[in-house]
Full PDB file with SEQRES, HELIX, SHEET, SSBOND, CRYST1, ORIGX, SCALE, CONECT and MASTER records, all heavy atoms in Angstrom:
SEQRES   1 A   38  VAL PHE GLU SER GLU GLN ALA ASN ALA PHE ALA LEU PRO          
SEQRES   2 A   38  GLY GLY TYR MET GLY ILE ASN THR GLY LEU LEU GLN LEU          
SEQRES   3 A   38  ALA PRO ASP GLN ASP GLN ILE ALA SER VAL ILE GLY              
HELIX    1 AA1 THR A   21  LEU A   26  1                                   6    
HELIX    2 AA2 GLN A   30  ILE A   37  1                                   8    
SHEET    1 AA1 2 ALA A   9  LEU A  12  0                                        
SHEET    2 AA1 2 TYR A  16  ILE A  19 -1                                        
CRYST1    1.000    1.000    1.000  90.00  90.00  90.00 P 1           1          
ORIGX1      1.000000  0.000000  0.000000        0.00000                         
ORIGX2      0.000000  1.000000  0.000000        0.00000                         
ORIGX3      0.000000  0.000000  1.000000        0.00000                         
SCALE1      1.000000  0.000000  0.000000        0.00000                         
SCALE2      0.000000  1.000000  0.000000        0.00000                         
SCALE3      0.000000  0.000000  1.000000        0.00000                         
ATOM      1  N   VAL A   1      60.603  11.029 -55.904  1.00  0.00           N  
ATOM      2  CA  VAL A   1      59.357  11.837 -56.051  1.00  0.00           C  
ATOM      3  C   VAL A   1      59.565  12.752 -57.219  1.00  0.00           C  
ATOM      4  O   VAL A   1      60.628  13.358 -57.396  1.00  0.00           O  
ATOM      5  CB  VAL A   1      59.195  12.671 -54.776  1.00  0.00           C  
ATOM      6  CG1 VAL A   1      57.899  13.507 -54.893  1.00  0.00           C  
ATOM      7  CG2 VAL A   1      59.113  11.795 -53.520  1.00  0.00           C  
ATOM      8  N   PHE A   2      58.524  12.788 -58.075  1.00  0.00           N  
ATOM      9  CA  PHE A   2      58.596  13.590 -59.294  1.00  0.00           C  
ATOM     10  C   PHE A   2      57.709  14.809 -59.258  1.00  0.00           C  
ATOM     11  O   PHE A   2      56.627  14.740 -58.628  1.00  0.00           O  
ATOM     12  CB  PHE A   2      58.206  12.751 -60.505  1.00  0.00           C  
ATOM     13  CG  PHE A   2      59.163  11.573 -60.728  1.00  0.00           C  
ATOM     14  CD1 PHE A   2      58.815  10.329 -60.273  1.00  0.00           C  
ATOM     15  CD2 PHE A   2      60.318  11.744 -61.435  1.00  0.00           C  
ATOM     16  CE1 PHE A   2      59.652   9.234 -60.434  1.00  0.00           C  
ATOM     17  CE2 PHE A   2      61.194  10.664 -61.618  1.00  0.00           C  
ATOM     18  CZ  PHE A   2      60.860   9.429 -61.086  1.00  0.00           C  
ATOM     19  N   GLU A   3      58.126  15.915 -59.791  1.00  0.00           N  
ATOM     20  CA  GLU A   3      57.380  17.128 -59.762  1.00  0.00           C  
ATOM     21  C   GLU A   3      56.294  17.063 -60.864  1.00  0.00           C  
ATOM     22  O   GLU A   3      56.570  17.276 -62.050  1.00  0.00           O  
ATOM     23  CB  GLU A   3      58.289  18.338 -60.026  1.00  0.00           C  
ATOM     24  CG  GLU A   3      57.655  19.671 -59.745  1.00  0.00           C  
ATOM     25  CD  GLU A   3      57.343  19.871 -58.229  1.00  0.00           C  
ATOM     26  OE1 GLU A   3      58.278  19.657 -57.436  1.00  0.00           O  
ATOM     27  OE2 GLU A   3      56.217  20.296 -57.928  1.00  0.00           O  
ATOM     28  N   SER A   4      55.101  16.785 -60.467  1.00  0.00           N  
ATOM     29  CA  SER A   4      54.006  16.673 -61.354  1.00  0.00           C  
ATOM     30  C   SER A   4      52.681  16.752 -60.673  1.00  0.00           C  
ATOM     31  O   SER A   4      52.526  16.211 -59.544  1.00  0.00           O  
ATOM     32  CB  SER A   4      54.019  15.316 -62.153  1.00  0.00           C  
ATOM     33  OG  SER A   4      52.832  15.152 -62.946  1.00  0.00           O  
ATOM     34  N   GLU A   5      51.754  17.501 -61.197  1.00  0.00           N  
ATOM     35  CA  GLU A   5      50.492  17.726 -60.521  1.00  0.00           C  
ATOM     36  C   GLU A   5      49.526  16.484 -60.614  1.00  0.00           C  
ATOM     37  O   GLU A   5      48.569  16.417 -59.917  1.00  0.00           O  
ATOM     38  CB  GLU A   5      49.766  18.956 -61.067  1.00  0.00           C  
ATOM     39  CG  GLU A   5      49.427  18.845 -62.568  1.00  0.00           C  
ATOM     40  CD  GLU A   5      48.755  20.132 -63.089  1.00  0.00           C  
ATOM     41  OE1 GLU A   5      48.881  21.180 -62.426  1.00  0.00           O  
ATOM     42  OE2 GLU A   5      48.137  20.034 -64.126  1.00  0.00           O  
ATOM     43  N   GLN A   6      49.865  15.553 -61.515  1.00  0.00           N  
ATOM     44  CA  GLN A   6      49.102  14.369 -61.641  1.00  0.00           C  
ATOM     45  C   GLN A   6      49.286  13.481 -60.400  1.00  0.00           C  
ATOM     46  O   GLN A   6      50.455  13.191 -60.042  1.00  0.00           O  
ATOM     47  CB  GLN A   6      49.404  13.585 -62.875  1.00  0.00           C  
ATOM     48  CG  GLN A   6      48.960  14.248 -64.146  1.00  0.00           C  
ATOM     49  CD  GLN A   6      48.814  13.282 -65.308  1.00  0.00           C  
ATOM     50  OE1 GLN A   6      49.188  12.123 -65.214  1.00  0.00           O  
ATOM     51  NE2 GLN A   6      48.380  13.752 -66.432  1.00  0.00           N  
ATOM     52  N   ALA A   7      48.234  13.045 -59.745  1.00  0.00           N  
ATOM     53  CA  ALA A   7      48.321  12.253 -58.540  1.00  0.00           C  
ATOM     54  C   ALA A   7      48.611  10.803 -58.885  1.00  0.00           C  
ATOM     55  O   ALA A   7      47.706   9.962 -58.870  1.00  0.00           O  
ATOM     56  CB  ALA A   7      47.052  12.390 -57.727  1.00  0.00           C  
ATOM     57  N   ASN A   8      49.814  10.503 -59.230  1.00  0.00           N  
ATOM     58  CA  ASN A   8      50.202   9.130 -59.674  1.00  0.00           C  
ATOM     59  C   ASN A   8      51.239   8.540 -58.731  1.00  0.00           C  
ATOM     60  O   ASN A   8      52.082   9.279 -58.138  1.00  0.00           O  
ATOM     61  CB  ASN A   8      50.782   9.157 -61.052  1.00  0.00           C  
ATOM     62  CG  ASN A   8      49.674   9.267 -62.157  1.00  0.00           C  
ATOM     63  OD1 ASN A   8      48.510   8.990 -61.857  1.00  0.00           O  
ATOM     64  ND2 ASN A   8      50.085   9.596 -63.339  1.00  0.00           N  
ATOM     65  N   ALA A   9      51.278   7.223 -58.676  1.00  0.00           N  
ATOM     66  CA  ALA A   9      52.330   6.472 -58.008  1.00  0.00           C  
ATOM     67  C   ALA A   9      52.463   5.148 -58.716  1.00  0.00           C  
ATOM     68  O   ALA A   9      51.518   4.662 -59.346  1.00  0.00           O  
ATOM     69  CB  ALA A   9      51.954   6.246 -56.514  1.00  0.00           C  
ATOM     70  N   PHE A  10      53.674   4.574 -58.669  1.00  0.00           N  
ATOM     71  CA  PHE A  10      53.851   3.294 -59.344  1.00  0.00           C  
ATOM     72  C   PHE A  10      55.047   2.608 -58.696  1.00  0.00           C  
ATOM     73  O   PHE A  10      55.834   3.148 -58.019  1.00  0.00           O  
ATOM     74  CB  PHE A  10      54.137   3.477 -60.875  1.00  0.00           C  
ATOM     75  CG  PHE A  10      55.396   4.254 -61.129  1.00  0.00           C  
ATOM     76  CD1 PHE A  10      56.655   3.598 -61.233  1.00  0.00           C  
ATOM     77  CD2 PHE A  10      55.388   5.622 -61.317  1.00  0.00           C  
ATOM     78  CE1 PHE A  10      57.822   4.315 -61.497  1.00  0.00           C  
ATOM     79  CE2 PHE A  10      56.539   6.364 -61.602  1.00  0.00           C  
ATOM     80  CZ  PHE A  10      57.795   5.650 -61.709  1.00  0.00           C  
ATOM     81  N   ALA A  11      55.151   1.278 -58.963  1.00  0.00           N  
ATOM     82  CA  ALA A  11      56.275   0.468 -58.571  1.00  0.00           C  
ATOM     83  C   ALA A  11      56.538  -0.464 -59.714  1.00  0.00           C  
ATOM     84  O   ALA A  11      55.589  -1.041 -60.314  1.00  0.00           O  
ATOM     85  CB  ALA A  11      56.044  -0.268 -57.298  1.00  0.00           C  
ATOM     86  N   LEU A  12      57.824  -0.666 -60.030  1.00  0.00           N  
ATOM     87  CA  LEU A  12      58.219  -1.496 -61.173  1.00  0.00           C  
ATOM     88  C   LEU A  12      58.968  -2.724 -60.716  1.00  0.00           C  
ATOM     89  O   LEU A  12      59.642  -2.724 -59.674  1.00  0.00           O  
ATOM     90  CB  LEU A  12      59.078  -0.690 -62.138  1.00  0.00           C  
ATOM     91  CG  LEU A  12      58.389   0.597 -62.705  1.00  0.00           C  
ATOM     92  CD1 LEU A  12      59.475   1.408 -63.455  1.00  0.00           C  
ATOM     93  CD2 LEU A  12      57.306   0.160 -63.678  1.00  0.00           C  
ATOM     94  N   PRO A  13      59.005  -3.782 -61.510  1.00  0.00           N  
ATOM     95  CA  PRO A  13      59.829  -4.950 -61.146  1.00  0.00           C  
ATOM     96  C   PRO A  13      61.229  -4.545 -60.927  1.00  0.00           C  
ATOM     97  O   PRO A  13      61.791  -3.669 -61.657  1.00  0.00           O  
ATOM     98  CB  PRO A  13      59.677  -5.832 -62.425  1.00  0.00           C  
ATOM     99  CG  PRO A  13      58.341  -5.463 -62.998  1.00  0.00           C  
ATOM    100  CD  PRO A  13      58.227  -3.981 -62.781  1.00  0.00           C  
ATOM    101  N   GLY A  14      61.848  -5.122 -59.974  1.00  0.00           N  
ATOM    102  CA  GLY A  14      63.209  -4.768 -59.563  1.00  0.00           C  
ATOM    103  C   GLY A  14      63.225  -3.836 -58.375  1.00  0.00           C  
ATOM    104  O   GLY A  14      64.296  -3.589 -57.802  1.00  0.00           O  
ATOM    105  N   GLY A  15      62.066  -3.254 -58.004  1.00  0.00           N  
ATOM    106  CA  GLY A  15      61.997  -2.408 -56.828  1.00  0.00           C  
ATOM    107  C   GLY A  15      62.134  -0.954 -57.086  1.00  0.00           C  
ATOM    108  O   GLY A  15      62.466  -0.184 -56.178  1.00  0.00           O  
ATOM    109  N   TYR A  16      61.823  -0.526 -58.288  1.00  0.00           N  
ATOM    110  CA  TYR A  16      61.881   0.912 -58.616  1.00  0.00           C  
ATOM    111  C   TYR A  16      60.538   1.537 -58.422  1.00  0.00           C  
ATOM    112  O   TYR A  16      59.524   1.101 -58.999  1.00  0.00           O  
ATOM    113  CB  TYR A  16      62.343   1.114 -60.069  1.00  0.00           C  
ATOM    114  CG  TYR A  16      63.659   0.417 -60.339  1.00  0.00           C  
ATOM    115  CD1 TYR A  16      63.673  -0.871 -60.887  1.00  0.00           C  
ATOM    116  CD2 TYR A  16      64.881   1.063 -60.068  1.00  0.00           C  
ATOM    117  CE1 TYR A  16      64.869  -1.541 -61.156  1.00  0.00           C  
ATOM    118  CE2 TYR A  16      66.086   0.409 -60.333  1.00  0.00           C  
ATOM    119  CZ  TYR A  16      66.038  -0.895 -60.882  1.00  0.00           C  
ATOM    120  OH  TYR A  16      67.246  -1.544 -61.133  1.00  0.00           O  
ATOM    121  N   MET A  17      60.476   2.599 -57.610  1.00  0.00           N  
ATOM    122  CA  MET A  17      59.161   3.167 -57.233  1.00  0.00           C  
ATOM    123  C   MET A  17      59.203   4.660 -57.512  1.00  0.00           C  
ATOM    124  O   MET A  17      60.187   5.344 -57.448  1.00  0.00           O  
ATOM    125  CB  MET A  17      58.858   2.962 -55.755  1.00  0.00           C  
ATOM    126  CG  MET A  17      58.777   1.495 -55.352  1.00  0.00           C  
ATOM    127  SD  MET A  17      58.540   1.309 -53.546  1.00  0.00           S  
ATOM    128  CE  MET A  17      60.177   1.629 -52.952  1.00  0.00           C  
ATOM    129  N   GLY A  18      57.976   5.206 -57.822  1.00  0.00           N  
ATOM    130  CA  GLY A  18      57.834   6.636 -58.097  1.00  0.00           C  
ATOM    131  C   GLY A  18      56.533   7.151 -57.560  1.00  0.00           C  
ATOM    132  O   GLY A  18      55.578   6.395 -57.473  1.00  0.00           O  
ATOM    133  N   ILE A  19      56.576   8.362 -57.135  1.00  0.00           N  
ATOM    134  CA  ILE A  19      55.336   9.041 -56.642  1.00  0.00           C  
ATOM    135  C   ILE A  19      55.398  10.512 -57.025  1.00  0.00           C  
ATOM    136  O   ILE A  19      56.484  11.124 -57.043  1.00  0.00           O  
ATOM    137  CB  ILE A  19      55.194   8.867 -55.115  1.00  0.00           C  
ATOM    138  CG1 ILE A  19      53.854   9.405 -54.623  1.00  0.00           C  
ATOM    139  CG2 ILE A  19      56.368   9.522 -54.391  1.00  0.00           C  
ATOM    140  CD1 ILE A  19      53.575   8.985 -53.187  1.00  0.00           C  
ATOM    141  N   ASN A  20      54.316  11.047 -57.463  1.00  0.00           N  
ATOM    142  CA  ASN A  20      54.295  12.444 -57.904  1.00  0.00           C  
ATOM    143  C   ASN A  20      53.856  13.370 -56.766  1.00  0.00           C  
ATOM    144  O   ASN A  20      53.121  12.990 -55.851  1.00  0.00           O  
ATOM    145  CB  ASN A  20      53.271  12.609 -59.080  1.00  0.00           C  
ATOM    146  CG  ASN A  20      53.811  11.946 -60.363  1.00  0.00           C  
ATOM    147  OD1 ASN A  20      54.938  11.472 -60.391  1.00  0.00           O  
ATOM    148  ND2 ASN A  20      52.961  11.884 -61.344  1.00  0.00           N  
ATOM    149  N   THR A  21      54.333  14.598 -56.868  1.00  0.00           N  
ATOM    150  CA  THR A  21      53.975  15.584 -55.838  1.00  0.00           C  
ATOM    151  C   THR A  21      52.460  15.854 -55.770  1.00  0.00           C  
ATOM    152  O   THR A  21      51.924  16.238 -54.759  1.00  0.00           O  
ATOM    153  CB  THR A  21      54.669  16.938 -56.115  1.00  0.00           C  
ATOM    154  OG1 THR A  21      54.436  17.373 -57.466  1.00  0.00           O  
ATOM    155  CG2 THR A  21      56.219  16.798 -55.892  1.00  0.00           C  
ATOM    156  N   GLY A  22      51.742  15.626 -56.922  1.00  0.00           N  
ATOM    157  CA  GLY A  22      50.345  15.785 -56.859  1.00  0.00           C  
ATOM    158  C   GLY A  22      49.627  14.879 -55.876  1.00  0.00           C  
ATOM    159  O   GLY A  22      48.646  15.252 -55.273  1.00  0.00           O  
ATOM    160  N   LEU A  23      50.172  13.714 -55.690  1.00  0.00           N  
ATOM    161  CA  LEU A  23      49.606  12.787 -54.731  1.00  0.00           C  
ATOM    162  C   LEU A  23      49.969  13.201 -53.263  1.00  0.00           C  
ATOM    163  O   LEU A  23      49.132  13.069 -52.381  1.00  0.00           O  
ATOM    164  CB  LEU A  23      50.101  11.350 -54.946  1.00  0.00           C  
ATOM    165  CG  LEU A  23      49.396  10.222 -54.194  1.00  0.00           C  
ATOM    166  CD1 LEU A  23      47.878  10.318 -54.436  1.00  0.00           C  
ATOM    167  CD2 LEU A  23      49.943   8.889 -54.695  1.00  0.00           C  
ATOM    168  N   LEU A  24      51.172  13.728 -53.082  1.00  0.00           N  
ATOM    169  CA  LEU A  24      51.547  14.214 -51.767  1.00  0.00           C  
ATOM    170  C   LEU A  24      50.695  15.421 -51.352  1.00  0.00           C  
ATOM    171  O   LEU A  24      50.408  15.568 -50.150  1.00  0.00           O  
ATOM    172  CB  LEU A  24      53.031  14.653 -51.766  1.00  0.00           C  
ATOM    173  CG  LEU A  24      54.098  13.509 -52.006  1.00  0.00           C  
ATOM    174  CD1 LEU A  24      55.484  14.131 -51.890  1.00  0.00           C  
ATOM    175  CD2 LEU A  24      53.828  12.379 -51.033  1.00  0.00           C  
ATOM    176  N   GLN A  25      50.277  16.228 -52.317  1.00  0.00           N  
ATOM    177  CA  GLN A  25      49.421  17.333 -52.003  1.00  0.00           C  
ATOM    178  C   GLN A  25      48.026  16.928 -51.574  1.00  0.00           C  
ATOM    179  O   GLN A  25      47.389  17.578 -50.723  1.00  0.00           O  
ATOM    180  CB  GLN A  25      49.356  18.307 -53.221  1.00  0.00           C  
ATOM    181  CG  GLN A  25      50.659  18.975 -53.515  1.00  0.00           C  
ATOM    182  CD  GLN A  25      50.686  19.665 -54.890  1.00  0.00           C  
ATOM    183  OE1 GLN A  25      49.722  19.687 -55.601  1.00  0.00           O  
ATOM    184  NE2 GLN A  25      51.790  20.279 -55.214  1.00  0.00           N  
ATOM    185  N   LEU A  26      47.566  15.849 -52.142  1.00  0.00           N  
ATOM    186  CA  LEU A  26      46.226  15.341 -51.778  1.00  0.00           C  
ATOM    187  C   LEU A  26      46.264  14.602 -50.435  1.00  0.00           C  
ATOM    188  O   LEU A  26      45.274  14.630 -49.714  1.00  0.00           O  
ATOM    189  CB  LEU A  26      45.757  14.357 -52.856  1.00  0.00           C  
ATOM    190  CG  LEU A  26      45.185  14.940 -54.170  1.00  0.00           C  
ATOM    191  CD1 LEU A  26      44.829  13.832 -55.108  1.00  0.00           C  
ATOM    192  CD2 LEU A  26      43.981  15.832 -53.891  1.00  0.00           C  
ATOM    193  N   ALA A  27      47.381  13.986 -50.117  1.00  0.00           N  
ATOM    194  CA  ALA A  27      47.470  13.223 -48.883  1.00  0.00           C  
ATOM    195  C   ALA A  27      48.826  13.396 -48.232  1.00  0.00           C  
ATOM    196  O   ALA A  27      49.665  12.456 -48.251  1.00  0.00           O  
ATOM    197  CB  ALA A  27      47.185  11.700 -49.214  1.00  0.00           C  
ATOM    198  N   PRO A  28      49.090  14.536 -47.642  1.00  0.00           N  
ATOM    199  CA  PRO A  28      50.444  14.796 -46.989  1.00  0.00           C  
ATOM    200  C   PRO A  28      50.553  14.167 -45.622  1.00  0.00           C  
ATOM    201  O   PRO A  28      50.804  14.849 -44.632  1.00  0.00           O  
ATOM    202  CB  PRO A  28      50.459  16.346 -46.967  1.00  0.00           C  
ATOM    203  CG  PRO A  28      49.012  16.707 -46.724  1.00  0.00           C  
ATOM    204  CD  PRO A  28      48.197  15.702 -47.535  1.00  0.00           C  
ATOM    205  N   ASP A  29      50.280  12.884 -45.503  1.00  0.00           N  
ATOM    206  CA  ASP A  29      50.217  12.168 -44.278  1.00  0.00           C  
ATOM    207  C   ASP A  29      50.975  10.864 -44.436  1.00  0.00           C  
ATOM    208  O   ASP A  29      50.752  10.115 -45.446  1.00  0.00           O  
ATOM    209  CB  ASP A  29      48.756  11.926 -43.893  1.00  0.00           C  
ATOM    210  CG  ASP A  29      48.601  11.026 -42.718  1.00  0.00           C  
ATOM    211  OD1 ASP A  29      48.624  11.492 -41.589  1.00  0.00           O  
ATOM    212  OD2 ASP A  29      48.424   9.793 -42.971  1.00  0.00           O  
ATOM    213  N   GLN A  30      51.873  10.548 -43.486  1.00  0.00           N  
ATOM    214  CA  GLN A  30      52.697   9.353 -43.653  1.00  0.00           C  
ATOM    215  C   GLN A  30      51.900   8.073 -43.741  1.00  0.00           C  
ATOM    216  O   GLN A  30      52.239   7.191 -44.560  1.00  0.00           O  
ATOM    217  CB  GLN A  30      53.702   9.243 -42.500  1.00  0.00           C  
ATOM    218  CG  GLN A  30      53.119   8.946 -41.113  1.00  0.00           C  
ATOM    219  CD  GLN A  30      54.153   8.460 -40.174  1.00  0.00           C  
ATOM    220  OE1 GLN A  30      55.388   8.463 -40.454  1.00  0.00           O  
ATOM    221  NE2 GLN A  30      53.740   8.005 -38.987  1.00  0.00           N  
ATOM    222  N   ASP A  31      50.802   7.936 -43.068  1.00  0.00           N  
ATOM    223  CA  ASP A  31      50.042   6.729 -43.046  1.00  0.00           C  
ATOM    224  C   ASP A  31      49.298   6.523 -44.388  1.00  0.00           C  
ATOM    225  O   ASP A  31      49.250   5.432 -44.948  1.00  0.00           O  
ATOM    226  CB  ASP A  31      49.054   6.670 -41.887  1.00  0.00           C  
ATOM    227  CG  ASP A  31      49.753   6.678 -40.543  1.00  0.00           C  
ATOM    228  OD1 ASP A  31      50.631   5.823 -40.332  1.00  0.00           O  
ATOM    229  OD2 ASP A  31      49.454   7.573 -39.731  1.00  0.00           O  
ATOM    230  N   GLN A  32      48.744   7.636 -44.928  1.00  0.00           N  
ATOM    231  CA  GLN A  32      48.019   7.567 -46.178  1.00  0.00           C  
ATOM    232  C   GLN A  32      49.008   7.267 -47.328  1.00  0.00           C  
ATOM    233  O   GLN A  32      48.709   6.397 -48.201  1.00  0.00           O  
ATOM    234  CB  GLN A  32      47.260   8.812 -46.429  1.00  0.00           C  
ATOM    235  CG  GLN A  32      46.071   9.051 -45.472  1.00  0.00           C  
ATOM    236  CD  GLN A  32      45.300  10.253 -45.888  1.00  0.00           C  
ATOM    237  OE1 GLN A  32      44.851  10.459 -46.954  1.00  0.00           O  
ATOM    238  NE2 GLN A  32      45.021  11.127 -44.851  1.00  0.00           N  
ATOM    239  N   ILE A  33      50.139   7.884 -47.345  1.00  0.00           N  
ATOM    240  CA  ILE A  33      51.124   7.638 -48.404  1.00  0.00           C  
ATOM    241  C   ILE A  33      51.702   6.209 -48.225  1.00  0.00           C  
ATOM    242  O   ILE A  33      51.985   5.533 -49.222  1.00  0.00           O  
ATOM    243  CB  ILE A  33      52.246   8.676 -48.339  1.00  0.00           C  
ATOM    244  CG1 ILE A  33      51.710  10.042 -48.653  1.00  0.00           C  
ATOM    245  CG2 ILE A  33      53.338   8.311 -49.354  1.00  0.00           C  
ATOM    246  CD1 ILE A  33      51.025  10.165 -50.073  1.00  0.00           C  
ATOM    247  N   ALA A  34      51.845   5.745 -47.014  1.00  0.00           N  
ATOM    248  CA  ALA A  34      52.259   4.360 -46.773  1.00  0.00           C  
ATOM    249  C   ALA A  34      51.293   3.362 -47.389  1.00  0.00           C  
ATOM    250  O   ALA A  34      51.723   2.323 -47.943  1.00  0.00           O  
ATOM    251  CB  ALA A  34      52.442   4.119 -45.290  1.00  0.00           C  
ATOM    252  N   SER A  35      50.023   3.690 -47.375  1.00  0.00           N  
ATOM    253  CA  SER A  35      49.042   2.812 -47.983  1.00  0.00           C  
ATOM    254  C   SER A  35      49.208   2.787 -49.487  1.00  0.00           C  
ATOM    255  O   SER A  35      49.026   1.733 -50.131  1.00  0.00           O  
ATOM    256  CB  SER A  35      47.617   3.250 -47.596  1.00  0.00           C  
ATOM    257  OG  SER A  35      47.216   4.395 -48.238  1.00  0.00           O  
ATOM    258  N   VAL A  36      49.571   3.888 -50.114  1.00  0.00           N  
ATOM    259  CA  VAL A  36      49.761   3.954 -51.545  1.00  0.00           C  
ATOM    260  C   VAL A  36      51.030   3.183 -51.953  1.00  0.00           C  
ATOM    261  O   VAL A  36      51.021   2.296 -52.816  1.00  0.00           O  
ATOM    262  CB  VAL A  36      49.943   5.419 -52.016  1.00  0.00           C  
ATOM    263  CG1 VAL A  36      50.322   5.480 -53.504  1.00  0.00           C  
ATOM    264  CG2 VAL A  36      48.565   6.161 -51.810  1.00  0.00           C  
ATOM    265  N   ILE A  37      52.148   3.516 -51.246  1.00  0.00           N  
ATOM    266  CA  ILE A  37      53.366   2.793 -51.538  1.00  0.00           C  
ATOM    267  C   ILE A  37      53.342   1.304 -51.251  1.00  0.00           C  
ATOM    268  O   ILE A  37      53.848   0.473 -52.001  1.00  0.00           O  
ATOM    269  CB  ILE A  37      54.594   3.478 -50.771  1.00  0.00           C  
ATOM    270  CG1 ILE A  37      54.741   4.952 -51.173  1.00  0.00           C  
ATOM    271  CG2 ILE A  37      55.878   2.712 -51.030  1.00  0.00           C  
ATOM    272  CD1 ILE A  37      55.742   5.687 -50.377  1.00  0.00           C  
ATOM    273  N   GLY A  38      52.673   0.942 -50.122  1.00  0.00           N  
ATOM    274  CA  GLY A  38      52.505  -0.421 -49.814  1.00  0.00           C  
ATOM    275  C   GLY A  38      51.688  -1.178 -50.897  1.00  0.00           C  
ATOM    276  O   GLY A  38      52.040  -2.341 -51.246  1.00  0.00           O  
TER     277      GLY A  38                                                      
MASTER        0    0    0    2    2    0    0    6  276    1    0    3          
END                                                                             
């Protein structure tokens, strides 16, 4: 998780994933974030 107000998330080949705190602030719910990461 990266400290950034931009509501971004990504996953890269090899299994490297990132999500910004801006997205957690918009959706601080495990099911909603699971939909993003999934």
